[in-house]
């Protein structure tokens, strides 16, 4: 663990970690159980088309969430697009700008205009008063996002959409296994979309799903994710190939069986960060509601104004130590290349402030308390020596230039 400024990698010393420390490395679960499921899949020669593993996964998750219908898909983006099409959205849909770009793309790709809304800077979620201000005769729905496994204020959004006769949908990619008011995510609005991407608390290698309690919507979604087939040679609906395959379902089931273990590791890491970051007031750690079910998947801090280093300088410093901390959802969807030309002159001050301050720190089953102590030691050296660190970073250049995609 590094304790002196001269030990930092930016001064030419070896990085703190030999192997990269990731924000969200994949949770693997029981390998033998996974291989057993894959062997059974091969023996059956049933690789796709609503096989037994997919149906088992759907059934087990529907019971876990207490929802009537749970439809697995090939990925979360396809699930969003299917839901947009199945609910007949048109015109404009109000969506947070502070979200993964796929939330906006799913709308825009299908000819529905995403209207970017500002967030509550304390929660990072849609600000219901801002949502109401943006409603026009062209608005057909509101698409809320549960960030960080911290559910947004679904009740307030339900009240707004009810007053204006709008549909309410949720992107719950971060919130599998979480609850609000004792009610599991998956039961809010007309439907909620999940991701089972490799980095999620439960993963299917790549996968997604839609949860709903609306029978007619579920029936239409089931048709649409399989080209609109209602039987052999009988196509009754427009559709795409949005199905989850059997190998993905095998991984999803195996991951689901170890979910309690994954959550326990995340919570342990979150508590360790809370303890150690308590001595560094320059960082605000976002908290979780201990009274709700939570996956504790993300350790999210905001870099305070009092620190003489920017968030991006901290990212560069940490990357030089093989600590692959992340800035998430920067610079905000409304400032991303595909949308910024339509948003000229428009400001979302809370979104922009949060996007410039948020820093995600490594966690997950591959991270332990000793690793966390090493991460915090680097942050403490930066806090105690901001001018020297900034000067050295200017000489060495950024270490985090080409960052991979985040969800």
Protein backbone atom coordinates (compact mmCIF):
# COMPACT_ATOMS: atom_id res chain seq x y z
CA UNK A 1 0.00 0.00 0.00
CA UNK A 2 1.40 3.37 -1.00
CA UNK A 3 1.98 5.93 1.74
CA UNK A 4 4.39 8.46 0.17
CA UNK A 5 3.85 10.77 -2.79
CA UNK A 6 7.01 9.60 -4.55
CA UNK A 7 5.65 6.05 -4.67
CA UNK A 8 2.91 7.02 -7.12
CA UNK A 9 3.11 5.59 -10.63
CA UNK A 10 2.99 9.07 -12.17
CA UNK A 11 6.48 9.57 -10.66
CA UNK A 12 7.77 6.47 -12.43
CA UNK A 13 7.14 3.84 -9.77
CA UNK A 14 5.28 0.55 -10.39
CA UNK A 15 1.48 0.74 -10.20
CA UNK A 16 -0.25 -0.20 -6.96
CA UNK A 17 -1.96 -3.16 -8.64
CA UNK A 18 -0.35 -5.65 -11.02
CA UNK A 19 -3.72 -6.70 -12.43
CA UNK A 20 -6.34 -4.06 -13.29
CA UNK A 21 -8.96 -3.41 -10.63
CA UNK A 22 -12.32 -2.93 -12.35
CA UNK A 23 -15.46 -1.07 -11.35
CA UNK A 24 -17.57 -4.06 -12.37
CA UNK A 25 -15.85 -7.32 -13.18
CA UNK A 26 -18.18 -10.23 -14.05
CA UNK A 27 -19.64 -12.30 -11.22
CA UNK A 28 -19.21 -15.94 -12.23
CA UNK A 29 -21.04 -18.15 -9.75
CA UNK A 30 -20.62 -21.93 -9.60
CA UNK A 31 -18.62 -23.00 -12.67
CA UNK A 32 -19.48 -26.68 -12.28
CA UNK A 33 -23.19 -25.90 -12.17
CA UNK A 34 -22.84 -23.73 -15.28
CA UNK A 35 -20.97 -26.46 -17.16
CA UNK A 36 -23.60 -28.99 -16.08
CA UNK A 37 -26.35 -26.80 -17.53
CA UNK A 38 -24.42 -26.24 -20.75
CA UNK A 39 -23.82 -29.99 -21.09
CA UNK A 40 -27.54 -30.62 -20.69
CA UNK A 41 -28.25 -27.99 -23.33
CA UNK A 42 -25.91 -29.71 -25.77
CA UNK A 43 -27.36 -33.13 -24.99
CA UNK A 44 -30.86 -31.82 -25.72
CA UNK A 45 -29.65 -30.03 -28.88
CA UNK A 46 -31.95 -27.17 -27.94
CA UNK A 47 -29.95 -23.97 -28.21
CA UNK A 48 -32.62 -21.30 -28.65
CA UNK A 49 -36.32 -20.68 -29.38
CA UNK A 50 -37.69 -20.53 -25.82
CA UNK A 51 -35.90 -23.59 -24.55
CA UNK A 52 -36.31 -25.06 -21.05
CA UNK A 53 -33.52 -22.99 -19.48
CA UNK A 54 -35.04 -19.72 -20.70
CA UNK A 55 -38.46 -20.75 -19.40
CA UNK A 56 -36.98 -21.76 -16.04
CA UNK A 57 -35.17 -18.44 -15.73
CA UNK A 58 -38.32 -16.49 -16.54
CA UNK A 59 -40.36 -18.47 -14.02
CA UNK A 60 -37.84 -18.15 -11.19
CA UNK A 61 -37.37 -14.42 -11.64
CA UNK A 62 -41.10 -13.75 -11.93
CA UNK A 63 -41.50 -15.46 -8.55
CA UNK A 64 -38.56 -13.55 -7.05
CA UNK A 65 -39.92 -10.18 -8.16
CA UNK A 66 -43.57 -10.99 -7.58
CA UNK A 67 -44.54 -10.02 -11.12
CA UNK A 68 -47.06 -11.72 -13.36
CA UNK A 69 -44.92 -11.74 -16.49
CA UNK A 70 -41.16 -11.76 -17.04
CA UNK A 71 -39.89 -12.06 -20.61
CA UNK A 72 -36.19 -12.72 -21.24
CA UNK A 73 -34.53 -11.05 -24.23
CA UNK A 74 -31.15 -11.12 -25.98
CA UNK A 75 -30.04 -7.88 -24.27
CA UNK A 76 -31.38 -4.89 -22.40
CA UNK A 77 -31.37 -2.55 -25.38
CA UNK A 78 -33.52 -4.93 -27.42
CA UNK A 79 -35.86 -5.14 -24.43
CA UNK A 80 -36.19 -1.35 -24.38
CA UNK A 81 -36.85 -1.22 -28.12
CA UNK A 82 -39.45 -3.98 -27.90
CA UNK A 83 -41.20 -2.15 -25.08
CA UNK A 84 -41.20 1.17 -26.94
CA UNK A 85 -42.75 -0.53 -29.97
CA UNK A 86 -45.21 -2.69 -28.03
CA UNK A 87 -46.57 0.25 -26.01
CA UNK A 88 -47.06 2.32 -29.16
CA UNK A 89 -44.96 5.27 -28.04
CA UNK A 90 -44.77 8.18 -30.46
CA UNK A 91 -43.93 11.88 -30.57
CA UNK A 92 -41.84 12.67 -27.50
CA UNK A 93 -40.82 10.74 -24.40
CA UNK A 94 -39.29 12.46 -21.38
CA UNK A 95 -36.11 10.73 -20.23
CA UNK A 96 -33.18 11.69 -17.99
CA UNK A 97 -30.07 12.88 -19.75
CA UNK A 98 -27.99 11.35 -16.98
CA UNK A 99 -28.27 7.71 -18.06
CA UNK A 100 -26.55 5.18 -20.30
CA UNK A 101 -26.90 6.29 -23.91
CA UNK A 102 -28.93 3.19 -24.85
CA UNK A 103 -31.91 4.60 -22.94
CA UNK A 104 -32.07 7.48 -25.41
CA UNK A 105 -31.02 5.42 -28.44
CA UNK A 106 -33.88 2.95 -27.95
CA UNK A 107 -36.33 5.81 -28.42
CA UNK A 108 -34.53 7.66 -31.19
CA UNK A 109 -33.84 4.46 -33.15
CA UNK A 110 -37.60 3.90 -33.41
CA UNK A 111 -38.43 7.47 -34.41
CA UNK A 112 -39.50 8.69 -30.96
CA UNK A 113 -37.84 11.88 -29.78
CA UNK A 114 -36.11 11.68 -26.39
CA UNK A 115 -36.75 14.89 -24.47
CA UNK A 116 -33.89 15.19 -22.01
CA UNK A 117 -34.86 16.17 -18.49
CA UNK A 118 -32.74 17.39 -15.60
CA UNK A 119 -32.19 15.39 -12.44
CA UNK A 120 -32.31 15.94 -8.71
CA UNK A 121 -28.61 16.46 -7.90
CA UNK A 122 -28.97 14.70 -4.54
CA UNK A 123 -30.40 11.46 -5.96
CA UNK A 124 -29.21 11.53 -9.62
CA UNK A 125 -32.77 10.61 -10.66
CA UNK A 126 -35.41 12.40 -12.73
CA UNK A 127 -36.72 15.52 -11.00
CA UNK A 128 -40.54 15.09 -11.10
CA UNK A 129 -41.13 18.86 -11.16
CA UNK A 130 -38.85 19.18 -14.20
CA UNK A 131 -40.69 16.29 -15.85
CA UNK A 132 -44.01 18.06 -15.45
CA UNK A 133 -42.57 21.28 -16.86
CA UNK A 134 -41.50 19.48 -20.07
CA UNK A 135 -44.85 17.85 -20.86
CA UNK A 136 -46.43 19.02 -24.12
CA UNK A 137 -49.25 17.74 -26.36
CA UNK A 138 -46.58 15.67 -28.16
CA UNK A 139 -45.53 13.78 -25.01
CA UNK A 140 -46.60 10.13 -24.99
CA UNK A 141 -44.67 8.77 -22.01
CA UNK A 142 -42.07 9.20 -19.30
CA UNK A 143 -39.16 6.77 -19.14
CA UNK A 144 -37.60 6.79 -15.68
CA UNK A 145 -34.25 5.23 -14.78
CA UNK A 146 -33.28 3.55 -11.50
CA UNK A 147 -29.59 4.46 -11.20
CA UNK A 148 -26.97 2.68 -9.08
CA UNK A 149 -29.53 0.24 -7.66
CA UNK A 150 -31.17 3.21 -5.91
CA UNK A 151 -34.78 3.31 -7.18
CA UNK A 152 -36.09 6.65 -8.36
CA UNK A 153 -39.22 8.27 -6.93
CA UNK A 154 -41.67 6.08 -8.82
CA UNK A 155 -44.61 7.34 -6.79
CA UNK A 156 -44.04 10.96 -7.76
CA UNK A 157 -43.59 10.00 -11.42
CA UNK A 158 -46.76 7.90 -11.30
CA UNK A 159 -48.66 10.92 -9.96
CA UNK A 160 -47.35 13.16 -12.76
CA UNK A 161 -48.11 10.70 -15.55
CA UNK A 162 -51.56 9.93 -14.13
CA UNK A 163 -52.46 13.63 -14.09
CA UNK A 164 -51.50 13.99 -17.74
CA UNK A 165 -52.69 10.62 -19.04
CA UNK A 166 -49.19 9.43 -20.00
CA UNK A 167 -47.58 6.02 -20.01
CA UNK A 168 -44.82 5.39 -17.46
CA UNK A 169 -41.98 2.95 -18.15
CA UNK A 170 -38.71 2.28 -16.32
CA UNK A 171 -35.18 1.37 -17.29
CA UNK A 172 -34.17 -0.83 -14.34
CA UNK A 173 -30.83 -2.04 -15.75
CA UNK A 174 -29.06 -1.21 -12.47
CA UNK A 175 -31.80 -2.27 -10.09
CA UNK A 176 -32.29 -6.03 -10.30
CA UNK A 177 -33.10 -7.39 -6.85
CA UNK A 178 -33.85 -3.95 -5.39
CA UNK A 179 -37.01 -2.61 -3.79
CA UNK A 180 -38.75 0.68 -3.03
CA UNK A 181 -41.26 0.91 -0.20
CA UNK A 182 -40.95 -2.87 0.22
CA UNK A 183 -42.12 -3.39 -3.38
CA UNK A 184 -39.70 -5.09 -5.74
CA UNK A 185 -38.47 -3.19 -8.79
CA UNK A 186 -40.28 -4.73 -11.74
CA UNK A 187 -43.71 -3.80 -10.39
CA UNK A 188 -43.72 -0.07 -11.15
CA UNK A 189 -45.26 1.72 -14.12
CA UNK A 190 -46.56 -0.21 -17.09
CA UNK A 191 -43.36 -2.23 -17.41
CA UNK A 192 -39.70 -2.24 -16.37
CA UNK A 193 -36.64 -3.31 -18.35
CA UNK A 194 -33.66 -5.18 -16.88
CA UNK A 195 -30.16 -5.86 -18.17
CA UNK A 196 -28.22 -9.07 -17.62
CA UNK A 197 -25.07 -7.79 -19.29
CA UNK A 198 -21.78 -9.35 -18.14
CA UNK A 199 -21.16 -6.52 -15.66
CA UNK A 200 -24.53 -6.71 -13.88
CA UNK A 201 -25.23 -8.26 -10.47
CA UNK A 202 -26.84 -11.22 -12.28
CA UNK A 203 -25.46 -11.80 -15.75
CA UNK A 204 -26.40 -13.94 -18.72
CA UNK A 205 -23.15 -13.26 -20.60
CA UNK A 206 -25.44 -10.86 -22.50
CA UNK A 207 -29.15 -10.57 -21.85
CA UNK A 208 -32.14 -8.50 -20.84
CA UNK A 209 -35.77 -8.80 -19.84
CA UNK A 210 -39.09 -7.00 -19.45
CA UNK A 211 -41.23 -7.30 -16.31
CA UNK A 212 -44.89 -6.33 -16.34
CA UNK A 213 -48.22 -7.12 -14.68
CA UNK A 214 -50.16 -6.27 -17.86
CA UNK A 215 -51.36 -9.46 -19.58
CA UNK A 216 -52.09 -7.91 -22.97
CA UNK A 217 -48.73 -6.15 -23.08
CA UNK A 218 -46.92 -9.37 -22.12
CA UNK A 219 -48.69 -11.31 -24.85
CA UNK A 220 -47.77 -8.73 -27.46
CA UNK A 221 -44.15 -8.61 -26.28
CA UNK A 222 -43.90 -12.39 -26.44
CA UNK A 223 -45.01 -12.28 -30.08
CA UNK A 224 -42.79 -9.35 -31.01
CA UNK A 225 -39.57 -10.83 -29.61
CA UNK A 226 -40.05 -13.84 -31.95
CA UNK A 227 -40.79 -12.15 -35.29
CA UNK A 228 -44.52 -12.00 -34.51
CA UNK A 229 -45.04 -15.77 -34.75
CA UNK A 230 -48.17 -17.06 -33.01
CA UNK A 231 -47.61 -20.62 -34.21
CA UNK A 232 -46.08 -22.57 -37.05
CA UNK A 233 -46.10 -20.37 -40.18
CA UNK A 234 -48.59 -18.00 -38.51
CA UNK A 235 -47.29 -14.43 -38.20
CA UNK A 236 -49.76 -12.07 -36.53
CA UNK A 237 -47.53 -9.17 -35.45
CA UNK A 238 -44.46 -7.25 -36.61
CA UNK A 239 -41.46 -8.40 -34.64
CA UNK A 240 -37.73 -8.98 -34.38
CA UNK A 241 -35.46 -11.69 -33.05
CA UNK A 242 -35.18 -10.55 -29.44
CA UNK A 243 -35.04 -13.96 -27.77
CA UNK A 244 -32.54 -15.03 -25.11
CA UNK A 245 -30.61 -18.16 -26.09
CA UNK A 246 -30.16 -21.25 -23.90
CA UNK A 247 -26.46 -20.66 -23.14
CA UNK A 248 -27.26 -17.19 -21.83
CA UNK A 249 -30.10 -18.61 -19.73
CA UNK A 250 -27.72 -21.23 -18.31
CA UNK A 251 -25.39 -18.45 -17.14
CA UNK A 252 -28.31 -16.37 -15.86
CA UNK A 253 -29.67 -19.24 -13.75
CA UNK A 254 -26.23 -20.03 -12.36
CA UNK A 255 -25.63 -16.38 -11.56
CA UNK A 256 -29.07 -16.06 -9.97
CA UNK A 257 -28.29 -18.94 -7.61
CA UNK A 258 -25.23 -17.06 -6.31
CA UNK A 259 -26.88 -13.64 -6.15
CA UNK A 260 -26.93 -13.52 -2.33
CA UNK A 261 -23.18 -14.13 -2.33
CA UNK A 262 -22.62 -11.37 -4.89
CA UNK A 263 -24.74 -8.89 -2.94
CA UNK A 264 -22.93 -9.74 0.30
CA UNK A 265 -19.56 -9.02 -1.35
CA UNK A 266 -20.84 -5.73 -2.75
CA UNK A 267 -22.26 -4.68 0.60
CA UNK A 268 -19.02 -5.57 2.39
CA UNK A 269 -17.10 -3.41 -0.10
CA UNK A 270 -19.57 -0.55 0.19
CA UNK A 271 -19.28 -0.57 4.00
CA UNK A 272 -15.48 -0.66 3.76
CA UNK A 273 -15.44 2.34 1.44
CA UNK A 274 -17.87 4.18 3.71
CA UNK A 275 -15.56 3.59 6.67
CA UNK A 276 -12.34 4.57 4.89
CA UNK A 277 -13.68 7.49 2.86
CA UNK A 278 -15.13 8.98 6.04
CA UNK A 279 -11.72 10.53 6.68
CA UNK A 280 -11.73 12.27 3.27
CA UNK A 281 -14.44 14.96 3.26
CA UNK A 282 -13.54 15.88 -0.34
CA UNK A 283 -15.61 12.88 -1.42
CA UNK A 284 -19.36 12.38 -0.96
CA UNK A 285 -20.32 8.70 -1.00
CA UNK A 286 -23.87 8.05 -2.22
CA UNK A 287 -25.70 6.02 0.41
CA UNK A 288 -28.18 3.16 0.13
CA UNK A 289 -31.44 2.76 2.04
CA UNK A 290 -30.70 0.05 4.58
CA UNK A 291 -34.42 -0.65 4.96
CA UNK A 292 -34.82 -1.80 1.36
CA UNK A 293 -33.51 -4.69 -0.68
CA UNK A 294 -30.45 -3.50 -2.57
CA UNK A 295 -27.75 -5.01 -4.75
CA UNK A 296 -25.02 -2.52 -3.66
CA UNK A 297 -23.56 -2.93 -7.13
CA UNK A 298 -21.96 0.50 -7.47
CA UNK A 299 -19.73 2.56 -5.21
CA UNK A 300 -20.48 6.12 -6.31
CA UNK A 301 -18.69 9.19 -5.00
CA UNK A 302 -18.90 12.84 -5.95
CA UNK A 303 -15.72 14.88 -5.99
CA UNK A 304 -16.27 18.04 -3.98
CA UNK A 305 -15.50 21.61 -5.05
CA UNK A 306 -13.01 21.97 -2.22
CA UNK A 307 -10.49 19.60 -3.79
CA UNK A 308 -7.86 21.27 -5.98
CA UNK A 309 -8.01 18.37 -8.44
CA UNK A 310 -10.70 17.65 -10.99
CA UNK A 311 -12.56 14.36 -11.19
CA UNK A 312 -10.83 13.63 -14.50
CA UNK A 313 -7.40 14.22 -12.97
CA UNK A 314 -8.29 11.73 -10.25
CA UNK A 315 -9.37 9.21 -12.89
CA UNK A 316 -6.03 9.60 -14.66
CA UNK A 317 -4.15 9.19 -11.40
CA UNK A 318 -6.07 6.06 -10.47
CA UNK A 319 -5.71 4.52 -13.93
CA UNK A 320 -1.95 4.97 -13.72
CA UNK A 321 -2.13 2.70 -10.65
CA UNK A 322 -4.20 0.07 -12.53
CA UNK A 323 -7.28 1.20 -10.58
CA UNK A 324 -9.81 1.53 -13.39
CA UNK A 325 -12.19 3.95 -11.69
CA UNK A 326 -14.81 5.42 -13.97
CA UNK A 327 -16.70 8.57 -14.80
CA UNK A 328 -20.17 7.37 -15.71
CA UNK A 329 -22.60 8.79 -18.28
CA UNK A 330 -20.33 11.72 -19.08
CA UNK A 331 -21.10 14.23 -20.54
CA UNK A 332 -24.84 13.50 -20.37
CA UNK A 333 -26.92 12.29 -23.31
CA UNK A 334 -27.94 15.81 -24.29
CA UNK A 335 -24.26 16.66 -24.89
CA UNK A 336 -23.43 13.41 -26.74
CA UNK A 337 -22.67 13.76 -30.45
CA UNK A 338 -25.93 12.24 -31.82
CA UNK A 339 -28.09 14.65 -29.80
CA UNK A 340 -26.13 17.81 -29.07
CA UNK A 341 -26.97 19.49 -32.39
CA UNK A 342 -30.67 19.32 -31.41
CA UNK A 343 -29.93 20.64 -27.92
CA UNK A 344 -27.91 23.76 -28.83
CA UNK A 345 -28.05 26.33 -26.06
CA UNK A 346 -30.03 24.05 -23.76
CA UNK A 347 -28.64 23.61 -20.28
CA UNK A 348 -29.36 20.91 -17.75
CA UNK A 349 -27.34 22.33 -14.86
CA UNK A 350 -27.80 19.52 -12.35
CA UNK A 351 -27.04 16.84 -14.94
CA UNK A 352 -23.91 18.67 -16.07
CA UNK A 353 -22.68 19.22 -12.53
CA UNK A 354 -23.18 15.58 -11.56
CA UNK A 355 -21.62 14.31 -14.81
CA UNK A 356 -18.51 16.37 -14.05
CA UNK A 357 -18.20 15.13 -10.45
CA UNK A 358 -19.19 11.47 -10.30
CA UNK A 359 -16.47 8.89 -9.78
CA UNK A 360 -17.17 5.15 -9.55
CA UNK A 361 -14.72 3.05 -7.57
CA UNK A 362 -13.90 -0.65 -8.03
CA UNK A 363 -16.11 -3.20 -6.32
CA UNK A 364 -17.58 -6.66 -6.91
CA UNK A 365 -16.59 -10.18 -6.01
CA UNK A 366 -13.01 -9.72 -7.29
CA UNK A 367 -12.38 -6.77 -4.93
CA UNK A 368 -11.61 -7.20 -1.22
CA UNK A 369 -11.01 -4.85 1.77
CA UNK A 370 -7.23 -4.90 1.20
CA UNK A 371 -7.77 -3.67 -2.37
CA UNK A 372 -10.06 -0.93 -1.08
CA UNK A 373 -7.44 0.21 1.41
CA UNK A 374 -5.00 0.51 -1.49
CA UNK A 375 -7.47 2.57 -3.54
CA UNK A 376 -8.23 4.93 -0.66
CA UNK A 377 -4.50 5.32 0.08
CA UNK A 378 -4.01 6.69 -3.46
CA UNK A 379 -6.95 9.08 -3.02
CA UNK A 380 -5.53 10.29 0.30
CA UNK A 381 -2.17 11.05 -1.29
CA UNK A 382 -3.99 13.05 -3.97
CA UNK A 383 -6.04 14.97 -1.39
CA UNK A 384 -2.93 15.77 0.67
CA UNK A 385 -0.79 16.80 -2.33
CA UNK A 386 -3.11 18.21 -5.02
CA UNK A 387 -0.69 20.71 -6.59
CA UNK A 388 2.14 18.20 -6.96
CA UNK A 389 -0.18 15.58 -8.38
CA UNK A 390 -1.73 18.04 -10.86
CA UNK A 391 1.68 19.24 -12.02
CA UNK A 392 2.94 15.71 -12.55
CA UNK A 393 -0.20 14.69 -14.42
CA UNK A 394 0.31 17.62 -16.79
CA UNK A 395 3.79 16.31 -17.55
CA UNK A 396 2.86 12.64 -17.94
CA UNK A 397 -0.46 13.19 -19.74
CA UNK A 398 -3.80 11.49 -19.07
CA UNK A 399 -3.86 7.73 -18.47
CA UNK A 400 -7.58 7.22 -19.06
CA UNK A 401 -8.03 8.56 -22.56
CA UNK A 402 -9.87 5.74 -24.30
CA UNK A 403 -12.43 4.45 -21.84
CA UNK A 404 -14.57 1.43 -22.71
CA UNK A 405 -18.34 1.47 -22.93
CA UNK A 406 -20.22 1.55 -19.62
CA UNK A 407 -23.75 0.50 -18.73
